[in-house]
């Protein structure tokens, strides 16, 4: 008589109430974390757009200054600078209106 080997029976795992509660809690925590990360990404994109606009305005300002440097010192520029400093041409009058 040949001995028959006993085949192991498949073990059925049952998830208890505590295990299910733990899984649901972890999933809820993950959802909250994903939501928080999405808000951080949105804020970062807004900041990126703001900084990009600032960089573009500074680039335009730098280009204008570079053009001024390339042109050199012209009489019109000298007159503009002098007027900003409060200088006037002979024969001109300055009226100051104060409170």
PDB file of N, CA and C in Angstrom:
ATOM      1  N   UNK A   1       0.822  -1.157   0.000  1.00  0.00           N
ATOM      2  CA  UNK A   1       0.000   0.000   0.000  1.00  0.00           C
ATOM      3  C   UNK A   1       0.886   1.247   0.000  1.00  0.00           C
ATOM      4  N   UNK A   2       0.639   2.084  -0.940  1.00  0.00           N
ATOM      5  CA  UNK A   2       1.429   3.302  -1.071  1.00  0.00           C
ATOM      6  C   UNK A   2       0.823   4.400  -0.213  1.00  0.00           C
ATOM      7  N   UNK A   3       1.722   5.113   0.372  1.00  0.00           N
ATOM      8  CA  UNK A   3       1.257   6.205   1.224  1.00  0.00           C
ATOM      9  C   UNK A   3       0.909   7.396   0.348  1.00  0.00           C
ATOM     10  N   UNK A   4      -0.177   7.948   0.612  1.00  0.00           N
ATOM     11  CA  UNK A   4      -0.575   9.145  -0.122  1.00  0.00           C
ATOM     12  C   UNK A   4      -0.145  10.372   0.665  1.00  0.00           C
ATOM     13  N   UNK A   5       0.413  11.281  -0.074  1.00  0.00           N
ATOM     14  CA  UNK A   5       0.824  12.522   0.583  1.00  0.00           C
ATOM     15  C   UNK A   5      -0.388  13.403   0.813  1.00  0.00           C
ATOM     16  N   UNK A   6      -0.363  14.058   1.897  1.00  0.00           N
ATOM     17  CA  UNK A   6      -1.448  14.986   2.182  1.00  0.00           C
ATOM     18  C   UNK A   6      -1.111  16.321   1.529  1.00  0.00           C
ATOM     19  N   UNK A   7      -1.996  16.809   0.737  1.00  0.00           N
ATOM     20  CA  UNK A   7      -1.782  18.115   0.114  1.00  0.00           C
ATOM     21  C   UNK A   7      -2.266  19.191   1.068  1.00  0.00           C
ATOM     22  N   UNK A   8      -1.454  20.224   1.178  1.00  0.00           N
ATOM     23  CA  UNK A   8      -1.883  21.276   2.098  1.00  0.00           C
ATOM     24  C   UNK A   8      -3.125  21.977   1.577  1.00  0.00           C
ATOM     25  N   UNK A   9      -3.987  22.259   2.468  1.00  0.00           N
ATOM     26  CA  UNK A   9      -5.214  22.951   2.097  1.00  0.00           C
ATOM     27  C   UNK A   9      -4.939  24.445   1.988  1.00  0.00           C
ATOM     28  N   UNK A  10      -5.616  25.065   1.070  1.00  0.00           N
ATOM     29  CA  UNK A  10      -5.476  26.511   0.900  1.00  0.00           C
ATOM     30  C   UNK A  10      -6.021  27.198   2.140  1.00  0.00           C
ATOM     31  N   UNK A  11      -5.247  28.111   2.630  1.00  0.00           N
ATOM     32  CA  UNK A  11      -5.646  28.824   3.830  1.00  0.00           C
ATOM     33  C   UNK A  11      -6.431  30.054   3.410  1.00  0.00           C
ATOM     34  N   UNK A  12      -7.583  30.191   3.935  1.00  0.00           N
ATOM     35  CA  UNK A  12      -8.407  31.357   3.634  1.00  0.00           C
ATOM     36  C   UNK A  12      -8.170  32.385   4.717  1.00  0.00           C
ATOM     37  N   UNK A  13      -7.745  33.558   4.246  1.00  0.00           N
ATOM     38  CA  UNK A  13      -7.532  34.640   5.199  1.00  0.00           C
ATOM     39  C   UNK A  13      -8.792  35.482   5.279  1.00  0.00           C
ATOM     40  N   UNK A  14      -9.159  35.766   6.454  1.00  0.00           N
ATOM     41  CA  UNK A  14     -10.325  36.618   6.638  1.00  0.00           C
ATOM     42  C   UNK A  14      -9.854  37.917   7.251  1.00  0.00           C
ATOM     43  N   UNK A  15     -10.261  38.973   6.605  1.00  0.00           N
ATOM     44  CA  UNK A  15      -9.906  40.286   7.134  1.00  0.00           C
ATOM     45  C   UNK A  15     -10.912  40.640   8.214  1.00  0.00           C
ATOM     46  N   UNK A  16     -10.386  40.915   9.357  1.00  0.00           N
ATOM     47  CA  UNK A  16     -11.249  41.278  10.461  1.00  0.00           C
ATOM     48  C   UNK A  16     -11.698  42.729  10.341  1.00  0.00           C
ATOM     49  N   UNK A  17     -12.557  43.100  11.215  1.00  0.00           N
ATOM     50  CA  UNK A  17     -13.100  44.455  11.222  1.00  0.00           C
ATOM     51  C   UNK A  17     -11.992  45.475  11.447  1.00  0.00           C
ATOM     52  N   UNK A  18     -11.050  45.174  12.317  1.00  0.00           N
ATOM     53  CA  UNK A  18      -9.956  46.082  12.606  1.00  0.00           C
ATOM     54  C   UNK A  18      -9.079  46.287  11.366  1.00  0.00           C
ATOM     55  N   UNK A  19      -8.828  45.225  10.621  1.00  0.00           N
ATOM     56  CA  UNK A  19      -8.020  45.322   9.402  1.00  0.00           C
ATOM     57  C   UNK A  19      -8.718  46.171   8.360  1.00  0.00           C
ATOM     58  N   UNK A  20      -9.990  45.951   8.188  1.00  0.00           N
ATOM     59  CA  UNK A  20     -10.758  46.754   7.219  1.00  0.00           C
ATOM     60  C   UNK A  20     -10.775  48.223   7.625  1.00  0.00           C
ATOM     61  N   UNK A  21     -10.943  48.483   8.907  1.00  0.00           N
ATOM     62  CA  UNK A  21     -10.952  49.857   9.397  1.00  0.00           C
ATOM     63  C   UNK A  21      -9.597  50.518   9.167  1.00  0.00           C
ATOM     64  N   UNK A  22      -8.526  49.781   9.377  1.00  0.00           N
ATOM     65  CA  UNK A  22      -7.189  50.297   9.141  1.00  0.00           C
ATOM     66  C   UNK A  22      -6.985  50.642   7.667  1.00  0.00           C
ATOM     67  N   UNK A  23      -7.421  49.797   6.780  1.00  0.00           N
ATOM     68  CA  UNK A  23      -7.273  50.043   5.340  1.00  0.00           C
ATOM     69  C   UNK A  23      -8.071  51.269   4.923  1.00  0.00           C
ATOM     70  N   UNK A  24      -9.294  51.388   5.402  1.00  0.00           N
ATOM     71  CA  UNK A  24     -10.127  52.548   5.067  1.00  0.00           C
ATOM     72  C   UNK A  24      -9.493  53.828   5.605  1.00  0.00           C
ATOM     73  N   UNK A  25      -8.943  53.761   6.813  1.00  0.00           N
ATOM     74  CA  UNK A  25      -8.290  54.934   7.404  1.00  0.00           C
ATOM     75  C   UNK A  25      -7.072  55.342   6.582  1.00  0.00           C
ATOM     76  N   UNK A  26      -6.272  54.375   6.180  1.00  0.00           N
ATOM     77  CA  UNK A  26      -5.099  54.677   5.354  1.00  0.00           C
ATOM     78  C   UNK A  26      -5.505  55.273   4.001  1.00  0.00           C
ATOM     79  N   UNK A  27      -6.543  54.737   3.413  1.00  0.00           N
ATOM     80  CA  UNK A  27      -7.014  55.286   2.135  1.00  0.00           C
ATOM     81  C   UNK A  27      -7.508  56.722   2.308  1.00  0.00           C
ATOM     82  N   UNK A  28      -8.210  56.985   3.390  1.00  0.00           N
ATOM     83  CA  UNK A  28      -8.688  58.346   3.648  1.00  0.00           C
ATOM     84  C   UNK A  28      -7.509  59.299   3.846  1.00  0.00           C
ATOM     85  N   UNK A  29      -6.480  58.845   4.563  1.00  0.00           N
ATOM     86  CA  UNK A  29      -5.296  59.682   4.768  1.00  0.00           C
ATOM     87  C   UNK A  29      -4.601  59.967   3.438  1.00  0.00           C
ATOM     88  N   UNK A  30      -4.524  58.984   2.577  1.00  0.00           N
ATOM     89  CA  UNK A  30      -3.913  59.173   1.258  1.00  0.00           C
ATOM     90  C   UNK A  30      -4.704  60.164   0.417  1.00  0.00           C
ATOM     91  N   UNK A  31      -6.008  60.083   0.467  1.00  0.00           N
ATOM     92  CA  UNK A  31      -6.842  61.017  -0.289  1.00  0.00           C
ATOM     93  C   UNK A  31      -6.627  62.442   0.210  1.00  0.00           C
ATOM     94  N   UNK A  32      -6.564  62.605   1.523  1.00  0.00           N
ATOM     95  CA  UNK A  32      -6.322  63.939   2.085  1.00  0.00           C
ATOM     96  C   UNK A  32      -4.954  64.462   1.661  1.00  0.00           C
ATOM     97  N   UNK A  33      -3.957  63.619   1.660  1.00  0.00           N
ATOM     98  CA  UNK A  33      -2.607  64.028   1.269  1.00  0.00           C
ATOM     99  C   UNK A  33      -2.560  64.419  -0.207  1.00  0.00           C
ATOM    100  N   UNK A  34      -3.236  63.668  -1.047  1.00  0.00           N
ATOM    101  CA  UNK A  34      -3.283  63.994  -2.474  1.00  0.00           C
ATOM    102  C   UNK A  34      -3.970  65.334  -2.684  1.00  0.00           C
ATOM    103  N   UNK A  35      -5.037  65.589  -1.959  1.00  0.00           N
ATOM    104  CA  UNK A  35      -5.739  66.867  -2.073  1.00  0.00           C
ATOM    105  C   UNK A  35      -4.834  68.022  -1.657  1.00  0.00           C
ATOM    106  N   UNK A  36      -4.105  67.838  -0.556  1.00  0.00           N
ATOM    107  CA  UNK A  36      -3.187  68.886  -0.087  1.00  0.00           C
ATOM    108  C   UNK A  36      -2.076  69.124  -1.106  1.00  0.00           C
ATOM    109  N   UNK A  37      -1.567  68.073  -1.696  1.00  0.00           N
ATOM    110  CA  UNK A  37      -0.511  68.209  -2.704  1.00  0.00           C
ATOM    111  C   UNK A  37      -1.022  68.920  -3.951  1.00  0.00           C
ATOM    112  N   UNK A  38      -2.262  68.652  -4.329  1.00  0.00           N
ATOM    113  CA  UNK A  38      -2.824  69.336  -5.495  1.00  0.00           C
ATOM    114  C   UNK A  38      -2.912  70.835  -5.244  1.00  0.00           C
ATOM    115  N   UNK A  39      -3.272  71.226  -4.029  1.00  0.00           N
ATOM    116  CA  UNK A  39      -3.331  72.650  -3.697  1.00  0.00           C
ATOM    117  C   UNK A  39      -1.945  73.271  -3.720  1.00  0.00           C
ATOM    118  N   UNK A  40      -0.946  72.536  -3.233  1.00  0.00           N
ATOM    119  CA  UNK A  40       0.426  73.040  -3.267  1.00  0.00           C
ATOM    120  C   UNK A  40       0.903  73.218  -4.696  1.00  0.00           C
ATOM    121  N   UNK A  41       0.557  72.285  -5.567  1.00  0.00           N
ATOM    122  CA  UNK A  41       0.936  72.391  -6.975  1.00  0.00           C
ATOM    123  C   UNK A  41       0.260  73.600  -7.607  1.00  0.00           C
ATOM    124  N   UNK A  42      -1.003  73.809  -7.294  1.00  0.00           N
ATOM    125  CA  UNK A  42      -1.729  74.962  -7.827  1.00  0.00           C
ATOM    126  C   UNK A  42      -1.084  76.268  -7.368  1.00  0.00           C
ATOM    127  N   UNK A  43      -0.745  76.356  -6.089  1.00  0.00           N
ATOM    128  CA  UNK A  43      -0.084  77.554  -5.566  1.00  0.00           C
ATOM    129  C   UNK A  43       1.266  77.766  -6.230  1.00  0.00           C
ATOM    130  N   UNK A  44       1.999  76.682  -6.443  1.00  0.00           N
ATOM    131  CA  UNK A  44       3.315  76.785  -7.079  1.00  0.00           C
ATOM    132  C   UNK A  44       3.191  77.249  -8.528  1.00  0.00           C
ATOM    133  N   UNK A  45       2.160  76.793  -9.224  1.00  0.00           N
ATOM    134  CA  UNK A  45       1.960  77.230 -10.609  1.00  0.00           C
ATOM    135  C   UNK A  45       1.613  78.719 -10.669  1.00  0.00           C
ATOM    136  N   UNK A  46       0.801  79.192  -9.723  1.00  0.00           N
ATOM    137  CA  UNK A  46       0.483  80.623  -9.674  1.00  0.00           C
ATOM    138  C   UNK A  46       1.743  81.446  -9.401  1.00  0.00           C
ATOM    139  N   UNK A  47       2.561  80.967  -8.488  1.00  0.00           N
ATOM    140  CA  UNK A  47       3.818  81.656  -8.176  1.00  0.00           C
ATOM    141  C   UNK A  47       4.744  81.664  -9.389  1.00  0.00           C
ATOM    142  N   UNK A  48       4.770  80.557 -10.102  1.00  0.00           N
ATOM    143  CA  UNK A  48       5.599  80.457 -11.300  1.00  0.00           C
ATOM    144  C   UNK A  48       5.142  81.462 -12.352  1.00  0.00           C
ATOM    145  N   UNK A  49       3.842  81.589 -12.542  1.00  0.00           N
ATOM    146  CA  UNK A  49       3.310  82.551 -13.517  1.00  0.00           C
ATOM    147  C   UNK A  49       3.634  83.983 -13.107  1.00  0.00           C
ATOM    148  N   UNK A  50       3.526  84.269 -11.804  1.00  0.00           N
ATOM    149  CA  UNK A  50       3.836  85.615 -11.310  1.00  0.00           C
ATOM    150  C   UNK A  50       5.308  85.941 -11.526  1.00  0.00           C
ATOM    151  N   UNK A  51       6.165  85.000 -11.228  1.00  0.00           N
ATOM    152  CA  UNK A  51       7.598  85.229 -11.391  1.00  0.00           C
ATOM    153  C   UNK A  51       7.960  85.334 -12.869  1.00  0.00           C
ATOM    154  N   UNK A  52       7.319  84.542 -13.717  1.00  0.00           N
ATOM    155  CA  UNK A  52       7.590  84.622 -15.155  1.00  0.00           C
ATOM    156  C   UNK A  52       7.218  86.004 -15.693  1.00  0.00           C
ATOM    157  N   UNK A  53       6.108  86.560 -15.224  1.00  0.00           N
ATOM    158  CA  UNK A  53       5.712  87.908 -15.655  1.00  0.00           C
ATOM    159  C   UNK A  53       6.718  88.942 -15.164  1.00  0.00           C
ATOM    160  N   UNK A  54       7.195  88.782 -13.947  1.00  0.00           N
ATOM    161  CA  UNK A  54       8.194  89.692 -13.401  1.00  0.00           C
ATOM    162  C   UNK A  54       9.498  89.610 -14.193  1.00  0.00           C
ATOM    163  N   UNK A  55       9.909  88.399 -14.522  1.00  0.00           N
ATOM    164  CA  UNK A  55      11.129  88.212 -15.308  1.00  0.00           C
ATOM    165  C   UNK A  55      10.983  88.864 -16.679  1.00  0.00           C
ATOM    166  N   UNK A  56       9.832  88.711 -17.293  1.00  0.00           N
ATOM    167  CA  UNK A  56       9.614  89.304 -18.620  1.00  0.00           C
ATOM    168  C   UNK A  56       9.660  90.829 -18.561  1.00  0.00           C
ATOM    169  N   UNK A  57       9.061  91.410 -17.522  1.00  0.00           N
ATOM    170  CA  UNK A  57       9.099  92.870 -17.412  1.00  0.00           C
ATOM    171  C   UNK A  57      10.527  93.354 -17.178  1.00  0.00           C
ATOM    172  N   UNK A  58      11.293  92.633 -16.383  1.00  0.00           N
ATOM    173  CA  UNK A  58      12.689  93.018 -16.151  1.00  0.00           C
ATOM    174  C   UNK A  58      13.523  92.828 -17.422  1.00  0.00           C
ATOM    175  N   UNK A  59      13.200  91.811 -18.199  1.00  0.00           N
ATOM    176  CA  UNK A  59      13.918  91.591 -19.457  1.00  0.00           C
ATOM    177  C   UNK A  59      13.665  92.758 -20.424  1.00  0.00           C
ATOM    178  N   UNK A  60      12.415  93.209 -20.491  1.00  0.00           N
ATOM    179  CA  UNK A  60      12.094  94.348 -21.359  1.00  0.00           C
ATOM    180  C   UNK A  60      12.812  95.609 -20.875  1.00  0.00           C
ATOM    181  N   UNK A  61      12.842  95.784 -19.573  1.00  0.00           N
ATOM    182  CA  UNK A  61      13.539  96.939 -18.998  1.00  0.00           C
ATOM    183  C   UNK A  61      15.035  96.880 -19.325  1.00  0.00           C
ATOM    184  N   UNK A  62      15.616  95.699 -19.200  1.00  0.00           N
ATOM    185  CA  UNK A  62      17.032  95.536 -19.528  1.00  0.00           C
ATOM    186  C   UNK A  62      17.306  95.785 -21.010  1.00  0.00           C
ATOM    187  N   UNK A  63      16.387  95.321 -21.863  1.00  0.00           N
ATOM    188  CA  UNK A  63      16.552  95.557 -23.304  1.00  0.00           C
ATOM    189  C   UNK A  63      16.520  97.051 -23.619  1.00  0.00           C
ATOM    190  N   UNK A  64      15.610  97.773 -22.964  1.00  0.00           N
ATOM    191  CA  UNK A  64      15.523  99.217 -23.188  1.00  0.00           C
ATOM    192  C   UNK A  64      16.795  99.908 -22.715  1.00  0.00           C
ATOM    193  N   UNK A  65      17.324  99.483 -21.569  1.00  0.00           N
ATOM    194  CA  UNK A  65      18.566 100.073 -21.075  1.00  0.00           C
ATOM    195  C   UNK A  65      19.742  99.738 -21.992  1.00  0.00           C
ATOM    196  N   UNK A  66      19.765  98.536 -22.522  1.00  0.00           N
ATOM    197  CA  UNK A  66      20.839  98.148 -23.443  1.00  0.00           C
ATOM    198  C   UNK A  66      20.781  98.988 -24.719  1.00  0.00           C
ATOM    199  N   UNK A  67      19.569  99.267 -25.192  1.00  0.00           N
ATOM    200  CA  UNK A  67      19.424 100.133 -26.373  1.00  0.00           C
ATOM    201  C   UNK A  67      19.938 101.537 -26.067  1.00  0.00           C
ATOM    202  N   UNK A  68      19.632 102.041 -24.871  1.00  0.00           N
ATOM    203  CA  UNK A  68      20.123 103.363 -24.484  1.00  0.00           C
ATOM    204  C   UNK A  68      21.650 103.384 -24.447  1.00  0.00           C
ATOM    205  N   UNK A  69      22.240 102.331 -23.943  1.00  0.00           N
ATOM    206  CA  UNK A  69      23.699 102.263 -23.880  1.00  0.00           C
ATOM    207  C   UNK A  69      24.288 102.211 -25.284  1.00  0.00           C
ATOM    208  N   UNK A  70      23.649 101.440 -26.158  1.00  0.00           N
ATOM    209  CA  UNK A  70      24.134 101.323 -27.543  1.00  0.00           C
ATOM    210  C   UNK A  70      24.081 102.672 -28.260  1.00  0.00           C
ATOM    211  N   UNK A  71      23.016 103.441 -28.052  1.00  0.00           N
ATOM    212  CA  UNK A  71      22.867 104.731 -28.720  1.00  0.00           C
ATOM    213  C   UNK A  71      23.895 105.743 -28.211  1.00  0.00           C
ATOM    214  N   UNK A  72      24.249 105.614 -26.973  1.00  0.00           N
ATOM    215  CA  UNK A  72      25.194 106.559 -26.394  1.00  0.00           C
ATOM    216  C   UNK A  72      24.468 107.783 -25.863  1.00  0.00           C
ATOM    217  N   UNK A  73      25.243 108.836 -25.635  1.00  0.00           N
ATOM    218  CA  UNK A  73      24.704 110.052 -25.054  1.00  0.00           C
ATOM    219  C   UNK A  73      24.214 110.980 -26.168  1.00  0.00           C
ATOM    220  N   UNK A  74      22.902 111.168 -26.250  1.00  0.00           N
ATOM    221  CA  UNK A  74      22.325 112.070 -27.251  1.00  0.00           C
ATOM    222  C   UNK A  74      21.813 113.321 -26.536  1.00  0.00           C
ATOM    223  N   UNK A  75      21.708 114.432 -27.254  1.00  0.00           N
ATOM    224  CA  UNK A  75      21.187 115.655 -26.623  1.00  0.00           C
ATOM    225  C   UNK A  75      19.777 115.474 -26.054  1.00  0.00           C
ATOM    226  N   UNK A  76      18.952 114.680 -26.730  1.00  0.00           N
ATOM    227  CA  UNK A  76      17.588 114.455 -26.236  1.00  0.00           C
ATOM    228  C   UNK A  76      17.604 113.733 -24.892  1.00  0.00           C
ATOM    229  N   UNK A  77      18.473 112.744 -24.762  1.00  0.00           N
ATOM    230  CA  UNK A  77      18.556 112.013 -23.501  1.00  0.00           C
ATOM    231  C   UNK A  77      19.093 112.906 -22.390  1.00  0.00           C
ATOM    232  N   UNK A  78      20.080 113.709 -22.721  1.00  0.00           N
ATOM    233  CA  UNK A  78      20.630 114.621 -21.721  1.00  0.00           C
ATOM    234  C   UNK A  78      19.561 115.595 -21.238  1.00  0.00           C
ATOM    235  N   UNK A  79      18.749 116.087 -22.182  1.00  0.00           N
ATOM    236  CA  UNK A  79      17.687 117.016 -21.814  1.00  0.00           C
ATOM    237  C   UNK A  79      16.638 116.313 -20.946  1.00  0.00           C
ATOM    238  N   UNK A  80      16.308 115.084 -21.288  1.00  0.00           N
ATOM    239  CA  UNK A  80      15.327 114.326 -20.506  1.00  0.00           C
ATOM    240  C   UNK A  80      15.823 114.102 -19.082  1.00  0.00           C
ATOM    241  N   UNK A  81      17.087 113.737 -18.949  1.00  0.00           N
ATOM    242  CA  UNK A  81      17.663 113.511 -17.621  1.00  0.00           C
ATOM    243  C   UNK A  81      17.690 114.822 -16.828  1.00  0.00           C
ATOM    244  N   UNK A  82      18.073 115.910 -17.491  1.00  0.00           N
ATOM    245  CA  UNK A  82      18.127 117.212 -16.819  1.00  0.00           C
ATOM    246  C   UNK A  82      16.747 117.635 -16.332  1.00  0.00           C
ATOM    247  N   UNK A  83      15.732 117.398 -17.134  1.00  0.00           N
ATOM    248  CA  UNK A  83      14.367 117.765 -16.727  1.00  0.00           C
ATOM    249  C   UNK A  83      13.913 116.937 -15.525  1.00  0.00           C
ATOM    250  N   UNK A  84      14.292 115.659 -15.504  1.00  0.00           N
ATOM    251  CA  UNK A  84      13.937 114.830 -14.350  1.00  0.00           C
ATOM    252  C   UNK A  84      14.616 115.330 -13.078  1.00  0.00           C
ATOM    253  N   UNK A  85      15.785 115.928 -13.247  1.00  0.00           N
ATOM    254  CA  UNK A  85      16.527 116.444 -12.101  1.00  0.00           C
ATOM    255  C   UNK A  85      16.072 117.852 -11.705  1.00  0.00           C
ATOM    256  N   UNK A  86      15.165 118.435 -12.479  1.00  0.00           N
ATOM    257  CA  UNK A  86      14.628 119.740 -12.133  1.00  0.00           C
ATOM    258  C   UNK A  86      15.264 120.903 -12.890  1.00  0.00           C
ATOM    259  N   UNK A  87      16.078 120.640 -13.854  1.00  0.00           N
ATOM    260  CA  UNK A  87      16.729 121.687 -14.636  1.00  0.00           C
ATOM    261  C   UNK A  87      15.790 122.163 -15.741  1.00  0.00           C
ATOM    262  N   UNK A  88      15.946 123.413 -16.155  1.00  0.00           N
ATOM    263  CA  UNK A  88      15.140 123.968 -17.247  1.00  0.00           C
ATOM    264  C   UNK A  88      16.065 124.690 -18.232  1.00  0.00           C
ATOM    265  N   UNK A  89      15.552 124.869 -19.419  1.00  0.00           N
ATOM    266  CA  UNK A  89      16.305 125.601 -20.443  1.00  0.00           C
ATOM    267  C   UNK A  89      16.148 127.105 -20.216  1.00  0.00           C
ATOM    268  N   UNK A  90      17.085 127.889 -20.709  1.00  0.00           N
ATOM    269  CA  UNK A  90      16.946 129.337 -20.578  1.00  0.00           C
ATOM    270  C   UNK A  90      15.648 129.815 -21.255  1.00  0.00           C
ATOM    271  N   UNK A  91      14.956 130.692 -20.599  1.00  0.00           N
ATOM    272  CA  UNK A  91      13.700 131.229 -21.131  1.00  0.00           C
ATOM    273  C   UNK A  91      12.478 130.428 -20.723  1.00  0.00           C
ATOM    274  N   UNK A  92      12.650 129.275 -20.054  1.00  0.00           N
ATOM    275  CA  UNK A  92      11.504 128.476 -19.593  1.00  0.00           C
ATOM    276  C   UNK A  92      11.171 128.883 -18.162  1.00  0.00           C
ATOM    277  N   UNK A  93       9.918 128.691 -17.825  1.00  0.00           N
ATOM    278  CA  UNK A  93       9.463 129.007 -16.481  1.00  0.00           C
ATOM    279  C   UNK A  93       8.997 127.734 -15.791  1.00  0.00           C
ATOM    280  N   UNK A  94       9.203 127.673 -14.493  1.00  0.00           N
ATOM    281  CA  UNK A  94       8.764 126.528 -13.695  1.00  0.00           C
ATOM    282  C   UNK A  94       7.704 127.012 -12.733  1.00  0.00           C
ATOM    283  N   UNK A  95       6.563 126.345 -12.788  1.00  0.00           N
ATOM    284  CA  UNK A  95       5.477 126.657 -11.865  1.00  0.00           C
ATOM    285  C   UNK A  95       5.316 125.464 -10.923  1.00  0.00           C
ATOM    286  N   UNK A  96       5.419 125.740  -9.646  1.00  0.00           N
ATOM    287  CA  UNK A  96       5.219 124.669  -8.662  1.00  0.00           C
ATOM    288  C   UNK A  96       3.876 124.874  -8.004  1.00  0.00           C
ATOM    289  N   UNK A  97       3.076 123.861  -8.064  1.00  0.00           N
ATOM    290  CA  UNK A  97       1.766 123.923  -7.454  1.00  0.00           C
ATOM    291  C   UNK A  97       1.828 123.077  -6.186  1.00  0.00           C
ATOM    292  N   UNK A  98       1.644 123.706  -5.062  1.00  0.00           N
ATOM    293  CA  UNK A  98       1.726 122.985  -3.787  1.00  0.00           C
ATOM    294  C   UNK A  98       0.444 123.140  -3.005  1.00  0.00           C
ATOM    295  N   UNK A  99       0.328 122.357  -1.987  1.00  0.00           N
ATOM    296  CA  UNK A  99      -0.884 122.439  -1.168  1.00  0.00           C
ATOM    297  C   UNK A  99      -0.654 123.260   0.062  1.00  0.00           C
TER     298      UNK A  99
END
